[in-house]
């Protein structure tokens, strides 16, 4: 068993290395080991563990979300355990539907948008536009895509196009590339304010952009119980916070000093 496979397999055991009768959502597993491996490699490791008979998977259709794949230890695929597994999957599917609901995702997007906008102003930026594809006389017309914020620094030679992603799961590279292309057309610097885009760092930085990464998905006040529930169930990096992490703020301040 390769190192990645061992790490993924260990998720299905407790701290004393005892097997757990706990099915894990495929996407949640990817988040749990995202700091070390890309989603593609994690998916391949899961497939190998299933092919070798260590894990078993079940697909569950989650209403308004689509198919969700759950993995669990093969020792619990017997008749006496499978009903417990399926019940646990049903409960997890309800929570997936809850945190994937448009009301939640829109709330999260708006929340991080407001926090980022406030921090940009604190860092000396003027907000030029929001949800826009135009910067002064230049305009992006090839697609309907827009940038969340366009801002210009008041004292430095720096105009930025900010894309804000308060999501748990990794955004496709195609979307990142298009936002970079829009910024290049508008002749501004791309900035990605997000929970996690580490696998796309090279694409962003090689095009002169800045990865402003927070590592946690930030919820607004009033969502404490919900956040605690999904953190316990899925081991998600989520927290209630109305401020950006101090380290991320310092990294952004340092980056601005170049201009």
Protein backbone atom coordinates (compact mmCIF):
# COMPACT_ATOMS: atom_id res chain seq x y z
CA UNK A 1 0.00 0.00 0.00
CA UNK A 2 1.46 3.38 -1.03
CA UNK A 3 1.86 6.31 1.38
CA UNK A 4 -1.23 8.16 0.15
CA UNK A 5 -3.33 5.02 0.31
CA UNK A 6 -2.16 4.42 3.88
CA UNK A 7 -3.08 7.98 4.86
CA UNK A 8 -6.53 7.73 3.31
CA UNK A 9 -7.09 4.27 4.81
CA UNK A 10 -6.19 5.58 8.27
CA UNK A 11 -9.22 7.88 8.15
CA UNK A 12 -11.40 4.83 8.73
CA UNK A 13 -9.77 4.07 12.11
CA UNK A 14 -9.77 5.91 15.42
CA UNK A 15 -6.70 7.23 17.27
CA UNK A 16 -6.16 3.78 18.81
CA UNK A 17 -6.24 2.22 15.30
CA UNK A 18 -9.58 0.57 15.91
CA UNK A 19 -11.85 0.29 12.83
CA UNK A 20 -14.81 2.66 12.72
CA UNK A 21 -18.21 1.80 11.30
CA UNK A 22 -18.37 5.25 9.73
CA UNK A 23 -18.93 5.86 6.02
CA UNK A 24 -16.98 8.82 4.65
CA UNK A 25 -18.17 11.11 1.88
CA UNK A 26 -15.62 11.11 -0.99
CA UNK A 27 -15.47 14.91 -1.18
CA UNK A 28 -15.04 15.17 2.59
CA UNK A 29 -12.08 12.78 2.41
CA UNK A 30 -10.51 15.05 -0.21
CA UNK A 31 -10.82 18.02 2.14
CA UNK A 32 -9.37 16.04 5.05
CA UNK A 33 -6.06 15.37 3.25
CA UNK A 34 -6.02 18.35 0.85
CA UNK A 35 -2.87 19.89 2.34
CA UNK A 36 -0.75 16.99 1.08
CA UNK A 37 -2.44 15.65 -2.05
CA UNK A 38 -4.50 16.83 -5.01
CA UNK A 39 -8.14 15.71 -5.44
CA UNK A 40 -7.19 13.59 -8.45
CA UNK A 41 -4.57 11.64 -6.52
CA UNK A 42 -6.92 11.15 -3.59
CA UNK A 43 -9.64 9.84 -5.89
CA UNK A 44 -7.16 7.40 -7.45
CA UNK A 45 -6.08 6.20 -4.00
CA UNK A 46 -9.69 5.55 -3.02
CA UNK A 47 -10.27 3.58 -6.20
CA UNK A 48 -7.17 1.47 -5.53
CA UNK A 49 -8.28 0.80 -1.95
CA UNK A 50 -11.64 -0.36 -3.27
CA UNK A 51 -10.09 -2.52 -5.99
CA UNK A 52 -7.81 -4.17 -3.42
CA UNK A 53 -10.78 -4.98 -1.19
CA UNK A 54 -9.90 -2.66 1.68
CA UNK A 55 -12.85 -0.33 1.13
CA UNK A 56 -16.37 -0.55 -0.31
CA UNK A 57 -18.36 2.32 -1.80
CA UNK A 58 -22.04 3.18 -2.10
CA UNK A 59 -23.51 5.98 -4.20
CA UNK A 60 -26.37 8.00 -2.77
CA UNK A 61 -28.52 10.40 -4.75
CA UNK A 62 -28.71 13.59 -2.68
CA UNK A 63 -31.72 15.72 -3.54
CA UNK A 64 -30.79 18.95 -5.36
CA UNK A 65 -27.12 17.96 -5.20
CA UNK A 66 -26.67 14.76 -7.23
CA UNK A 67 -24.70 11.59 -6.61
CA UNK A 68 -22.56 11.46 -3.48
CA UNK A 69 -20.12 8.59 -3.08
CA UNK A 70 -19.46 7.12 0.35
CA UNK A 71 -16.63 4.78 1.33
CA UNK A 72 -16.42 2.45 4.32
CA UNK A 73 -14.34 -0.50 5.50
CA UNK A 74 -15.07 -3.75 3.65
CA UNK A 75 -15.44 -5.60 6.97
CA UNK A 76 -18.73 -3.72 7.41
CA UNK A 77 -20.18 -4.82 4.08
CA UNK A 78 -21.73 -7.90 5.68
CA UNK A 79 -25.49 -8.26 6.08
CA UNK A 80 -25.47 -7.45 9.80
CA UNK A 81 -23.56 -4.15 9.36
CA UNK A 82 -24.71 -2.82 6.00
CA UNK A 83 -28.04 -1.54 7.32
CA UNK A 84 -26.19 0.55 9.95
CA UNK A 85 -23.93 1.89 7.20
CA UNK A 86 -26.88 2.81 5.00
CA UNK A 87 -28.63 4.60 7.86
CA UNK A 88 -25.48 6.61 8.55
CA UNK A 89 -25.24 7.46 4.85
CA UNK A 90 -28.86 8.65 4.86
CA UNK A 91 -28.12 10.99 7.77
CA UNK A 92 -24.95 12.32 6.12
CA UNK A 93 -26.86 12.90 2.88
CA UNK A 94 -29.34 15.12 4.75
CA UNK A 95 -26.45 17.22 6.07
CA UNK A 96 -24.86 17.42 2.61
CA UNK A 97 -28.16 18.73 1.29
CA UNK A 98 -28.25 21.30 4.11
CA UNK A 99 -24.76 22.74 3.64
CA UNK A 100 -25.15 22.64 -0.18
CA UNK A 101 -28.43 24.55 -0.13
CA UNK A 102 -28.38 27.78 -2.16
CA UNK A 103 -29.38 29.80 0.91
CA UNK A 104 -26.26 28.59 2.73
CA UNK A 105 -23.86 28.95 -0.21
CA UNK A 106 -25.17 32.43 -1.06
CA UNK A 107 -24.87 33.44 2.60
CA UNK A 108 -21.27 32.23 2.68
CA UNK A 109 -20.37 34.03 -0.54
CA UNK A 110 -21.91 37.29 0.67
CA UNK A 111 -20.23 36.96 4.06
CA UNK A 112 -16.70 36.55 2.68
CA UNK A 113 -17.37 39.24 0.06
CA UNK A 114 -18.17 41.75 2.81
CA UNK A 115 -15.13 40.74 4.89
CA UNK A 116 -12.76 40.98 1.92
CA UNK A 117 -14.19 44.32 0.82
CA UNK A 118 -13.70 45.74 4.31
CA UNK A 119 -10.11 44.47 4.44
CA UNK A 120 -9.32 45.93 1.01
CA UNK A 121 -10.45 49.34 2.23
CA UNK A 122 -8.39 48.91 5.39
CA UNK A 123 -5.38 48.17 3.17
CA UNK A 124 -5.82 51.41 1.23
CA UNK A 125 -7.86 50.25 -1.75
CA UNK A 126 -10.73 52.07 -3.40
CA UNK A 127 -13.51 49.76 -4.58
CA UNK A 128 -14.00 50.56 -8.28
CA UNK A 129 -16.69 47.98 -9.04
CA UNK A 130 -18.42 44.81 -7.84
CA UNK A 131 -19.68 41.88 -9.91
CA UNK A 132 -18.34 43.63 -12.97
CA UNK A 133 -16.37 42.92 -16.14
CA UNK A 134 -15.41 46.54 -16.84
CA UNK A 135 -12.47 48.64 -15.68
CA UNK A 136 -12.61 52.22 -16.95
CA UNK A 137 -12.58 52.05 -20.78
CA UNK A 138 -11.77 48.32 -20.96
CA UNK A 139 -14.48 45.66 -20.88
CA UNK A 140 -14.57 41.86 -21.08
CA UNK A 141 -17.20 40.74 -23.62
CA UNK A 142 -16.19 37.21 -24.69
CA UNK A 143 -18.28 35.54 -21.94
CA UNK A 144 -20.77 36.62 -19.28
CA UNK A 145 -18.27 36.02 -16.46
CA UNK A 146 -17.52 38.89 -14.06
CA UNK A 147 -15.07 39.65 -11.27
CA UNK A 148 -16.39 39.89 -7.71
CA UNK A 149 -14.46 43.07 -6.94
CA UNK A 150 -12.21 45.44 -8.87
CA UNK A 151 -10.17 47.74 -6.64
CA UNK A 152 -7.40 50.29 -7.07
CA UNK A 153 -4.85 51.18 -4.42
CA UNK A 154 -4.95 54.83 -3.45
CA UNK A 155 -1.18 55.34 -3.21
CA UNK A 156 0.44 52.42 -5.04
CA UNK A 157 0.47 51.48 -8.71
CA UNK A 158 -1.80 48.50 -8.19
CA UNK A 159 -5.24 47.67 -9.57
CA UNK A 160 -6.65 44.23 -8.79
CA UNK A 161 -9.46 41.96 -9.87
CA UNK A 162 -10.58 39.91 -6.87
CA UNK A 163 -12.35 36.59 -7.17
CA UNK A 164 -13.86 35.41 -3.87
CA UNK A 165 -14.39 31.71 -3.13
CA UNK A 166 -15.78 30.74 0.29
CA UNK A 167 -16.20 27.10 -0.76
CA UNK A 168 -15.19 23.78 0.78
CA UNK A 169 -14.38 22.02 -2.47
CA UNK A 170 -11.71 22.92 -4.98
CA UNK A 171 -12.76 25.19 -7.84
CA UNK A 172 -11.92 23.78 -11.33
CA UNK A 173 -8.74 25.10 -12.94
CA UNK A 174 -10.80 26.18 -15.98
CA UNK A 175 -12.64 28.74 -13.86
CA UNK A 176 -9.39 30.05 -12.40
CA UNK A 177 -7.85 30.37 -15.86
CA UNK A 178 -10.84 32.32 -17.18
CA UNK A 179 -10.72 34.81 -14.31
CA UNK A 180 -7.00 35.30 -14.95
CA UNK A 181 -7.72 35.90 -18.64
CA UNK A 182 -10.35 38.52 -17.75
CA UNK A 183 -7.86 40.32 -15.51
CA UNK A 184 -5.22 40.23 -18.25
CA UNK A 185 -7.71 41.73 -20.70
CA UNK A 186 -8.55 44.51 -18.22
CA UNK A 187 -4.82 44.97 -17.47
CA UNK A 188 -5.25 44.42 -13.74
CA UNK A 189 -3.67 41.94 -11.32
CA UNK A 190 -5.67 38.81 -10.40
CA UNK A 191 -6.22 38.11 -6.70
CA UNK A 192 -8.01 34.99 -5.47
CA UNK A 193 -9.46 35.44 -1.97
CA UNK A 194 -10.45 31.95 -0.96
CA UNK A 195 -10.56 29.14 1.56
CA UNK A 196 -8.37 26.79 -0.48
CA UNK A 197 -6.83 26.90 -3.95
CA UNK A 198 -3.37 25.53 -3.20
CA UNK A 199 -3.33 23.06 -6.14
CA UNK A 200 -3.79 26.06 -8.47
CA UNK A 201 -1.07 28.21 -6.89
CA UNK A 202 1.37 27.77 -9.80
CA UNK A 203 -1.28 28.79 -12.34
CA UNK A 204 -2.12 31.91 -10.34
CA UNK A 205 1.41 33.01 -9.48
CA UNK A 206 2.90 32.24 -12.91
CA UNK A 207 0.38 34.71 -14.31
CA UNK A 208 1.38 37.43 -11.85
CA UNK A 209 -1.53 36.84 -9.50
CA UNK A 210 -1.80 36.52 -5.73
CA UNK A 211 -3.31 33.59 -3.85
CA UNK A 212 -4.96 35.07 -0.76
CA UNK A 213 -5.78 31.87 1.08
CA UNK A 214 -7.63 31.56 4.40
CA UNK A 215 -7.77 27.73 4.82
CA UNK A 216 -11.03 27.93 6.78
CA UNK A 217 -14.54 28.35 5.42
CA UNK A 218 -15.92 31.37 7.26
CA UNK A 219 -19.51 31.50 8.50
CA UNK A 220 -21.27 34.57 9.93
CA UNK A 221 -22.35 34.88 13.55
CA UNK A 222 -25.52 33.00 14.38
CA UNK A 223 -24.36 29.84 12.62
CA UNK A 224 -22.39 28.38 15.54
CA UNK A 225 -24.53 25.26 16.04
CA UNK A 226 -24.61 24.46 12.34
CA UNK A 227 -20.86 24.93 12.00
CA UNK A 228 -20.14 22.71 15.00
CA UNK A 229 -22.40 19.98 13.61
CA UNK A 230 -20.73 19.77 10.19
CA UNK A 231 -17.27 20.12 11.71
CA UNK A 232 -17.88 17.10 13.93
CA UNK A 233 -19.62 15.01 11.27
CA UNK A 234 -17.35 15.70 8.28
CA UNK A 235 -14.15 17.06 9.90
CA UNK A 236 -14.52 20.19 7.77
CA UNK A 237 -12.27 23.26 8.25
CA UNK A 238 -15.12 25.62 9.11
CA UNK A 239 -15.51 28.35 11.72
CA UNK A 240 -17.64 31.34 12.64
CA UNK A 241 -15.57 34.47 12.05
CA UNK A 242 -16.13 37.99 10.76
CA UNK A 243 -12.43 38.68 10.25
CA UNK A 244 -9.78 37.22 7.98
CA UNK A 245 -7.04 35.12 9.61
CA UNK A 246 -4.20 37.34 10.88
CA UNK A 247 -1.56 35.42 8.90
CA UNK A 248 -3.48 35.91 5.65
CA UNK A 249 -3.76 39.65 6.34
CA UNK A 250 0.00 39.87 6.94
CA UNK A 251 0.74 37.98 3.72
CA UNK A 252 -1.47 40.36 1.76
CA UNK A 253 0.16 43.41 3.37
CA UNK A 254 3.59 42.05 2.46
CA UNK A 255 2.53 41.39 -1.13
CA UNK A 256 1.24 44.95 -1.56
CA UNK A 257 4.65 46.31 -0.59
CA UNK A 258 6.07 45.16 -3.96
CA UNK A 259 4.15 47.82 -5.86
